[in-house]
Amino acid sequence: MDSDQLLVFASNFGAPQHPDWYHNLLVHPNVMVEVGSETYRATAATLMGIKREQTWTMLVEHYPSFAQL
């Protein structure tokens, strides 16, 4: 969780293309999210610019193996 946002990474295990579900979210960004026993509506959005860079830095700090993908 990043503040009130749930971060989902479409890494596809280092493949050169995004996973299919990422493309589905681009077309249909309104989703239902389940976290534990809670379910709520959300809107998926792709991070851009400085926010994307900051999030990538945070991800690699917590999961260094992502930098090798």
PDB file of N, CA and C in Angstrom:
ATOM      1  N   MET A   1       0.838  -1.194   0.000  1.00  0.00           N
ATOM      2  CA  MET A   1       0.000   0.000   0.000  1.00  0.00           C
ATOM      3  C   MET A   1       0.872   1.242   0.000  1.00  0.00           C
ATOM      4  N   ASP A   2       0.534   2.183  -0.829  1.00  0.00           N
ATOM      5  CA  ASP A   2       1.199   3.468  -0.889  1.00  0.00           C
ATOM      6  C   ASP A   2       0.146   4.498  -0.528  1.00  0.00           C
ATOM      7  N   SER A   3       0.160   4.962   0.726  1.00  0.00           N
ATOM      8  CA  SER A   3      -0.885   5.838   1.256  1.00  0.00           C
ATOM      9  C   SER A   3      -2.237   5.157   1.056  1.00  0.00           C
ATOM     10  N   ASP A   4      -3.125   5.754   0.271  1.00  0.00           N
ATOM     11  CA  ASP A   4      -4.432   5.131   0.036  1.00  0.00           C
ATOM     12  C   ASP A   4      -4.484   4.418  -1.301  1.00  0.00           C
ATOM     13  N   GLN A   5      -3.315   4.167  -1.887  1.00  0.00           N
ATOM     14  CA  GLN A   5      -3.263   3.512  -3.184  1.00  0.00           C
ATOM     15  C   GLN A   5      -2.653   2.129  -3.070  1.00  0.00           C
ATOM     16  N   LEU A   6      -3.227   1.194  -3.777  1.00  0.00           N
ATOM     17  CA  LEU A   6      -2.679  -0.153  -3.883  1.00  0.00           C
ATOM     18  C   LEU A   6      -1.834  -0.191  -5.146  1.00  0.00           C
ATOM     19  N   LEU A   7      -0.572  -0.566  -4.999  1.00  0.00           N
ATOM     20  CA  LEU A   7       0.319  -0.623  -6.152  1.00  0.00           C
ATOM     21  C   LEU A   7       0.382  -2.044  -6.680  1.00  0.00           C
ATOM     22  N   VAL A   8       0.192  -2.194  -7.981  1.00  0.00           N
ATOM     23  CA  VAL A   8       0.256  -3.489  -8.643  1.00  0.00           C
ATOM     24  C   VAL A   8       1.282  -3.365  -9.762  1.00  0.00           C
ATOM     25  N   PHE A   9       2.268  -4.240  -9.782  1.00  0.00           N
ATOM     26  CA  PHE A   9       3.348  -4.158 -10.753  1.00  0.00           C
ATOM     27  C   PHE A   9       3.147  -5.187 -11.860  1.00  0.00           C
ATOM     28  N   ALA A  10       3.097  -4.718 -13.083  1.00  0.00           N
ATOM     29  CA  ALA A  10       2.901  -5.586 -14.248  1.00  0.00           C
ATOM     30  C   ALA A  10       4.268  -5.946 -14.833  1.00  0.00           C
ATOM     31  N   SER A  11       5.053  -6.698 -14.094  1.00  0.00           N
ATOM     32  CA  SER A  11       6.427  -6.972 -14.516  1.00  0.00           C
ATOM     33  C   SER A  11       6.526  -8.071 -15.569  1.00  0.00           C
ATOM     34  N   ASN A  12       5.634  -9.018 -15.549  1.00  0.00           N
ATOM     35  CA  ASN A  12       5.636 -10.155 -16.479  1.00  0.00           C
ATOM     36  C   ASN A  12       6.962 -10.922 -16.434  1.00  0.00           C
ATOM     37  N   PHE A  13       7.556 -10.970 -15.259  1.00  0.00           N
ATOM     38  CA  PHE A  13       8.777 -11.754 -15.016  1.00  0.00           C
ATOM     39  C   PHE A  13       9.920 -11.387 -15.950  1.00  0.00           C
ATOM     40  N   GLY A  14      10.042 -10.104 -16.278  1.00  0.00           N
ATOM     41  CA  GLY A  14      11.142  -9.642 -17.110  1.00  0.00           C
ATOM     42  C   GLY A  14      10.930  -9.775 -18.599  1.00  0.00           C
ATOM     43  N   ALA A  15       9.768 -10.233 -19.027  1.00  0.00           N
ATOM     44  CA  ALA A  15       9.486 -10.341 -20.465  1.00  0.00           C
ATOM     45  C   ALA A  15       9.441  -8.940 -21.078  1.00  0.00           C
ATOM     46  N   PRO A  16       9.727  -8.807 -22.361  1.00  0.00           N
ATOM     47  CA  PRO A  16       9.744  -7.480 -22.984  1.00  0.00           C
ATOM     48  C   PRO A  16       8.365  -6.828 -23.129  1.00  0.00           C
ATOM     49  N   GLN A  17       7.295  -7.588 -23.006  1.00  0.00           N
ATOM     50  CA  GLN A  17       5.952  -7.018 -23.115  1.00  0.00           C
ATOM     51  C   GLN A  17       5.228  -7.135 -21.773  1.00  0.00           C
ATOM     52  N   HIS A  18       4.247  -6.245 -21.596  1.00  0.00           N
ATOM     53  CA  HIS A  18       3.432  -6.282 -20.384  1.00  0.00           C
ATOM     54  C   HIS A  18       2.535  -7.525 -20.404  1.00  0.00           C
ATOM     55  N   PRO A  19       2.106  -8.004 -19.222  1.00  0.00           N
ATOM     56  CA  PRO A  19       1.185  -9.144 -19.204  1.00  0.00           C
ATOM     57  C   PRO A  19      -0.182  -8.741 -19.780  1.00  0.00           C
ATOM     58  N   ASP A  20      -0.927  -9.723 -20.237  1.00  0.00           N
ATOM     59  CA  ASP A  20      -2.232  -9.460 -20.859  1.00  0.00           C
ATOM     60  C   ASP A  20      -3.169  -8.688 -19.933  1.00  0.00           C
ATOM     61  N   TRP A  21      -3.159  -9.015 -18.642  1.00  0.00           N
ATOM     62  CA  TRP A  21      -4.091  -8.346 -17.735  1.00  0.00           C
ATOM     63  C   TRP A  21      -3.811  -6.847 -17.647  1.00  0.00           C
ATOM     64  N   TYR A  22      -2.567  -6.424 -17.859  1.00  0.00           N
ATOM     65  CA  TYR A  22      -2.243  -4.997 -17.864  1.00  0.00           C
ATOM     66  C   TYR A  22      -2.978  -4.308 -19.024  1.00  0.00           C
ATOM     67  N   HIS A  23      -2.945  -4.920 -20.205  1.00  0.00           N
ATOM     68  CA  HIS A  23      -3.637  -4.358 -21.362  1.00  0.00           C
ATOM     69  C   HIS A  23      -5.142  -4.325 -21.135  1.00  0.00           C
ATOM     70  N   ASN A  24      -5.670  -5.326 -20.440  1.00  0.00           N
ATOM     71  CA  ASN A  24      -7.100  -5.326 -20.105  1.00  0.00           C
ATOM     72  C   ASN A  24      -7.446  -4.142 -19.208  1.00  0.00           C
ATOM     73  N   LEU A  25      -6.543  -3.824 -18.249  1.00  0.00           N
ATOM     74  CA  LEU A  25      -6.795  -2.687 -17.359  1.00  0.00           C
ATOM     75  C   LEU A  25      -6.748  -1.358 -18.100  1.00  0.00           C
ATOM     76  N   LEU A  26      -5.925  -1.264 -19.125  1.00  0.00           N
ATOM     77  CA  LEU A  26      -5.888  -0.030 -19.917  1.00  0.00           C
ATOM     78  C   LEU A  26      -7.233   0.226 -20.592  1.00  0.00           C
ATOM     79  N   VAL A  27      -7.880  -0.851 -21.035  1.00  0.00           N
ATOM     80  CA  VAL A  27      -9.173  -0.738 -21.720  1.00  0.00           C
ATOM     81  C   VAL A  27     -10.325  -0.616 -20.722  1.00  0.00           C
ATOM     82  N   HIS A  28     -10.206  -1.334 -19.602  1.00  0.00           N
ATOM     83  CA  HIS A  28     -11.266  -1.363 -18.579  1.00  0.00           C
ATOM     84  C   HIS A  28     -10.662  -1.046 -17.214  1.00  0.00           C
ATOM     85  N   PRO A  29     -10.388   0.244 -16.911  1.00  0.00           N
ATOM     86  CA  PRO A  29      -9.691   0.590 -15.678  1.00  0.00           C
ATOM     87  C   PRO A  29     -10.544   0.525 -14.405  1.00  0.00           C
ATOM     88  N   ASN A  30     -11.857   0.475 -14.534  1.00  0.00           N
ATOM     89  CA  ASN A  30     -12.716   0.384 -13.345  1.00  0.00           C
ATOM     90  C   ASN A  30     -12.777  -1.065 -12.893  1.00  0.00           C
ATOM     91  N   VAL A  31     -12.314  -1.315 -11.678  1.00  0.00           N
ATOM     92  CA  VAL A  31     -12.155  -2.686 -11.199  1.00  0.00           C
ATOM     93  C   VAL A  31     -12.733  -2.857  -9.798  1.00  0.00           C
ATOM     94  N   MET A  32     -12.903  -4.109  -9.424  1.00  0.00           N
ATOM     95  CA  MET A  32     -13.220  -4.472  -8.039  1.00  0.00           C
ATOM     96  C   MET A  32     -11.943  -5.085  -7.463  1.00  0.00           C
ATOM     97  N   VAL A  33     -11.554  -4.613  -6.297  1.00  0.00           N
ATOM     98  CA  VAL A  33     -10.326  -5.065  -5.655  1.00  0.00           C
ATOM     99  C   VAL A  33     -10.686  -5.841  -4.396  1.00  0.00           C
ATOM    100  N   GLU A  34     -10.021  -6.965  -4.198  1.00  0.00           N
ATOM    101  CA  GLU A  34     -10.185  -7.751  -2.979  1.00  0.00           C
ATOM    102  C   GLU A  34      -8.852  -7.782  -2.251  1.00  0.00           C
ATOM    103  N   VAL A  35      -8.844  -7.295  -1.024  1.00  0.00           N
ATOM    104  CA  VAL A  35      -7.660  -7.344  -0.166  1.00  0.00           C
ATOM    105  C   VAL A  35      -8.112  -7.986   1.144  1.00  0.00           C
ATOM    106  N   GLY A  36      -7.651  -9.200   1.372  1.00  0.00           N
ATOM    107  CA  GLY A  36      -8.127  -9.924   2.547  1.00  0.00           C
ATOM    108  C   GLY A  36      -9.626 -10.135   2.439  1.00  0.00           C
ATOM    109  N   SER A  37     -10.353  -9.703   3.451  1.00  0.00           N
ATOM    110  CA  SER A  37     -11.807  -9.865   3.434  1.00  0.00           C
ATOM    111  C   SER A  37     -12.528  -8.621   2.923  1.00  0.00           C
ATOM    112  N   GLU A  38     -11.792  -7.592   2.532  1.00  0.00           N
ATOM    113  CA  GLU A  38     -12.393  -6.357   2.035  1.00  0.00           C
ATOM    114  C   GLU A  38     -12.479  -6.356   0.509  1.00  0.00           C
ATOM    115  N   THR A  39     -13.569  -5.805   0.000  1.00  0.00           N
ATOM    116  CA  THR A  39     -13.763  -5.643  -1.432  1.00  0.00           C
ATOM    117  C   THR A  39     -14.201  -4.203  -1.675  1.00  0.00           C
ATOM    118  N   TYR A  40     -13.576  -3.554  -2.665  1.00  0.00           N
ATOM    119  CA  TYR A  40     -13.968  -2.186  -2.967  1.00  0.00           C
ATOM    120  C   TYR A  40     -13.704  -1.866  -4.435  1.00  0.00           C
ATOM    121  N   ARG A  41     -14.359  -0.808  -4.906  1.00  0.00           N
ATOM    122  CA  ARG A  41     -14.185  -0.346  -6.282  1.00  0.00           C
ATOM    123  C   ARG A  41     -12.917   0.511  -6.351  1.00  0.00           C
ATOM    124  N   ALA A  42     -12.245   0.438  -7.501  1.00  0.00           N
ATOM    125  CA  ALA A  42     -11.050   1.242  -7.722  1.00  0.00           C
ATOM    126  C   ALA A  42     -10.911   1.527  -9.209  1.00  0.00           C
ATOM    127  N   THR A  43     -10.045   2.461  -9.526  1.00  0.00           N
ATOM    128  CA  THR A  43      -9.728   2.776 -10.911  1.00  0.00           C
ATOM    129  C   THR A  43      -8.230   2.591 -11.108  1.00  0.00           C
ATOM    130  N   ALA A  44      -7.871   1.726 -12.041  1.00  0.00           N
ATOM    131  CA  ALA A  44      -6.463   1.466 -12.332  1.00  0.00           C
ATOM    132  C   ALA A  44      -5.893   2.609 -13.156  1.00  0.00           C
ATOM    133  N   ALA A  45      -4.652   2.965 -12.864  1.00  0.00           N
ATOM    134  CA  ALA A  45      -3.963   4.015 -13.616  1.00  0.00           C
ATOM    135  C   ALA A  45      -2.484   3.667 -13.707  1.00  0.00           C
ATOM    136  N   THR A  46      -1.881   3.971 -14.840  1.00  0.00           N
ATOM    137  CA  THR A  46      -0.457   3.737 -15.025  1.00  0.00           C
ATOM    138  C   THR A  46       0.316   4.927 -14.476  1.00  0.00           C
ATOM    139  N   LEU A  47       1.313   4.650 -13.651  1.00  0.00           N
ATOM    140  CA  LEU A  47       2.145   5.725 -13.116  1.00  0.00           C
ATOM    141  C   LEU A  47       3.013   6.302 -14.231  1.00  0.00           C
ATOM    142  N   MET A  48       3.209   7.598 -14.185  1.00  0.00           N
ATOM    143  CA  MET A  48       4.008   8.287 -15.208  1.00  0.00           C
ATOM    144  C   MET A  48       4.985   9.249 -14.535  1.00  0.00           C
ATOM    145  N   GLY A  49       6.002   9.628 -15.272  1.00  0.00           N
ATOM    146  CA  GLY A  49       6.908  10.685 -14.848  1.00  0.00           C
ATOM    147  C   GLY A  49       7.604  10.431 -13.530  1.00  0.00           C
ATOM    148  N   ILE A  50       7.695  11.475 -12.722  1.00  0.00           N
ATOM    149  CA  ILE A  50       8.434  11.422 -11.468  1.00  0.00           C
ATOM    150  C   ILE A  50       7.829  10.412 -10.500  1.00  0.00           C
ATOM    151  N   LYS A  51       6.507  10.281 -10.483  1.00  0.00           N
ATOM    152  CA  LYS A  51       5.863   9.313  -9.593  1.00  0.00           C
ATOM    153  C   LYS A  51       6.280   7.896  -9.966  1.00  0.00           C
ATOM    154  N   ARG A  52       6.379   7.612 -11.259  1.00  0.00           N
ATOM    155  CA  ARG A  52       6.823   6.292 -11.714  1.00  0.00           C
ATOM    156  C   ARG A  52       8.275   6.046 -11.289  1.00  0.00           C
ATOM    157  N   GLU A  53       9.122   7.048 -11.482  1.00  0.00           N
ATOM    158  CA  GLU A  53      10.527   6.921 -11.100  1.00  0.00           C
ATOM    159  C   GLU A  53      10.687   6.701  -9.603  1.00  0.00           C
ATOM    160  N   GLN A  54       9.955   7.463  -8.798  1.00  0.00           N
ATOM    161  CA  GLN A  54      10.017   7.312  -7.336  1.00  0.00           C
ATOM    162  C   GLN A  54       9.527   5.932  -6.910  1.00  0.00           C
ATOM    163  N   THR A  55       8.476   5.471  -7.532  1.00  0.00           N
ATOM    164  CA  THR A  55       7.923   4.163  -7.184  1.00  0.00           C
ATOM    165  C   THR A  55       8.877   3.051  -7.589  1.00  0.00           C
ATOM    166  N   TRP A  56       9.513   3.179  -8.758  1.00  0.00           N
ATOM    167  CA  TRP A  56      10.490   2.177  -9.195  1.00  0.00           C
ATOM    168  C   TRP A  56      11.658   2.114  -8.208  1.00  0.00           C
ATOM    169  N   THR A  57      12.159   3.265  -7.758  1.00  0.00           N
ATOM    170  CA  THR A  57      13.240   3.311  -6.776  1.00  0.00           C
ATOM    171  C   THR A  57      12.836   2.598  -5.496  1.00  0.00           C
ATOM    172  N   MET A  58      11.620   2.857  -5.018  1.00  0.00           N
ATOM    173  CA  MET A  58      11.115   2.203  -3.812  1.00  0.00           C
ATOM    174  C   MET A  58      11.002   0.696  -4.013  1.00  0.00           C
ATOM    175  N   LEU A  59      10.523   0.279  -5.182  1.00  0.00           N
ATOM    176  CA  LEU A  59      10.363  -1.144  -5.474  1.00  0.00           C
ATOM    177  C   LEU A  59      11.716  -1.850  -5.443  1.00  0.00           C
ATOM    178  N   VAL A  60      12.705  -1.271  -6.096  1.00  0.00           N
ATOM    179  CA  VAL A  60      14.035  -1.888  -6.162  1.00  0.00           C
ATOM    180  C   VAL A  60      14.698  -1.908  -4.781  1.00  0.00           C
ATOM    181  N   GLU A  61      14.430  -0.900  -3.960  1.00  0.00           N
ATOM    182  CA  GLU A  61      14.969  -0.895  -2.590  1.00  0.00           C
ATOM    183  C   GLU A  61      14.418  -2.071  -1.798  1.00  0.00           C
ATOM    184  N   HIS A  62      13.135  -2.359  -1.968  1.00  0.00           N
ATOM    185  CA  HIS A  62      12.484  -3.436  -1.216  1.00  0.00           C
ATOM    186  C   HIS A  62      12.693  -4.799  -1.861  1.00  0.00           C
ATOM    187  N   TYR A  63      12.796  -4.832  -3.177  1.00  0.00           N
ATOM    188  CA  TYR A  63      12.936  -6.085  -3.935  1.00  0.00           C
ATOM    189  C   TYR A  63      14.039  -5.918  -4.970  1.00  0.00           C
ATOM    190  N   PRO A  64      15.307  -5.995  -4.571  1.00  0.00           N
ATOM    191  CA  PRO A  64      16.430  -5.754  -5.475  1.00  0.00           C
ATOM    192  C   PRO A  64      16.415  -6.593  -6.743  1.00  0.00           C
ATOM    193  N   SER A  65      15.814  -7.764  -6.721  1.00  0.00           N
ATOM    194  CA  SER A  65      15.812  -8.619  -7.907  1.00  0.00           C
ATOM    195  C   SER A  65      15.065  -7.978  -9.071  1.00  0.00           C
ATOM    196  N   PHE A  66      14.158  -7.037  -8.813  1.00  0.00           N
ATOM    197  CA  PHE A  66      13.449  -6.356  -9.896  1.00  0.00           C
ATOM    198  C   PHE A  66      14.409  -5.582 -10.786  1.00  0.00           C
ATOM    199  N   ALA A  67      15.504  -5.090 -10.237  1.00  0.00           N
ATOM    200  CA  ALA A  67      16.467  -4.315 -11.020  1.00  0.00           C
ATOM    201  C   ALA A  67      17.163  -5.199 -12.049  1.00  0.00           C
ATOM    202  N   GLN A  68      17.104  -6.490 -11.875  1.00  0.00           N
ATOM    203  CA  GLN A  68      17.774  -7.418 -12.783  1.00  0.00           C
ATOM    204  C   GLN A  68      16.845  -7.948 -13.863  1.00  0.00           C
ATOM    205  N   LEU A  69      15.581  -7.603 -13.808  1.00  0.00           N
ATOM    206  CA  LEU A  69      14.616  -8.089 -14.811  1.00  0.00           C
ATOM    207  C   LEU A  69      14.697  -7.294 -16.088  1.00  0.00           C
TER     208      LEU A  69
END
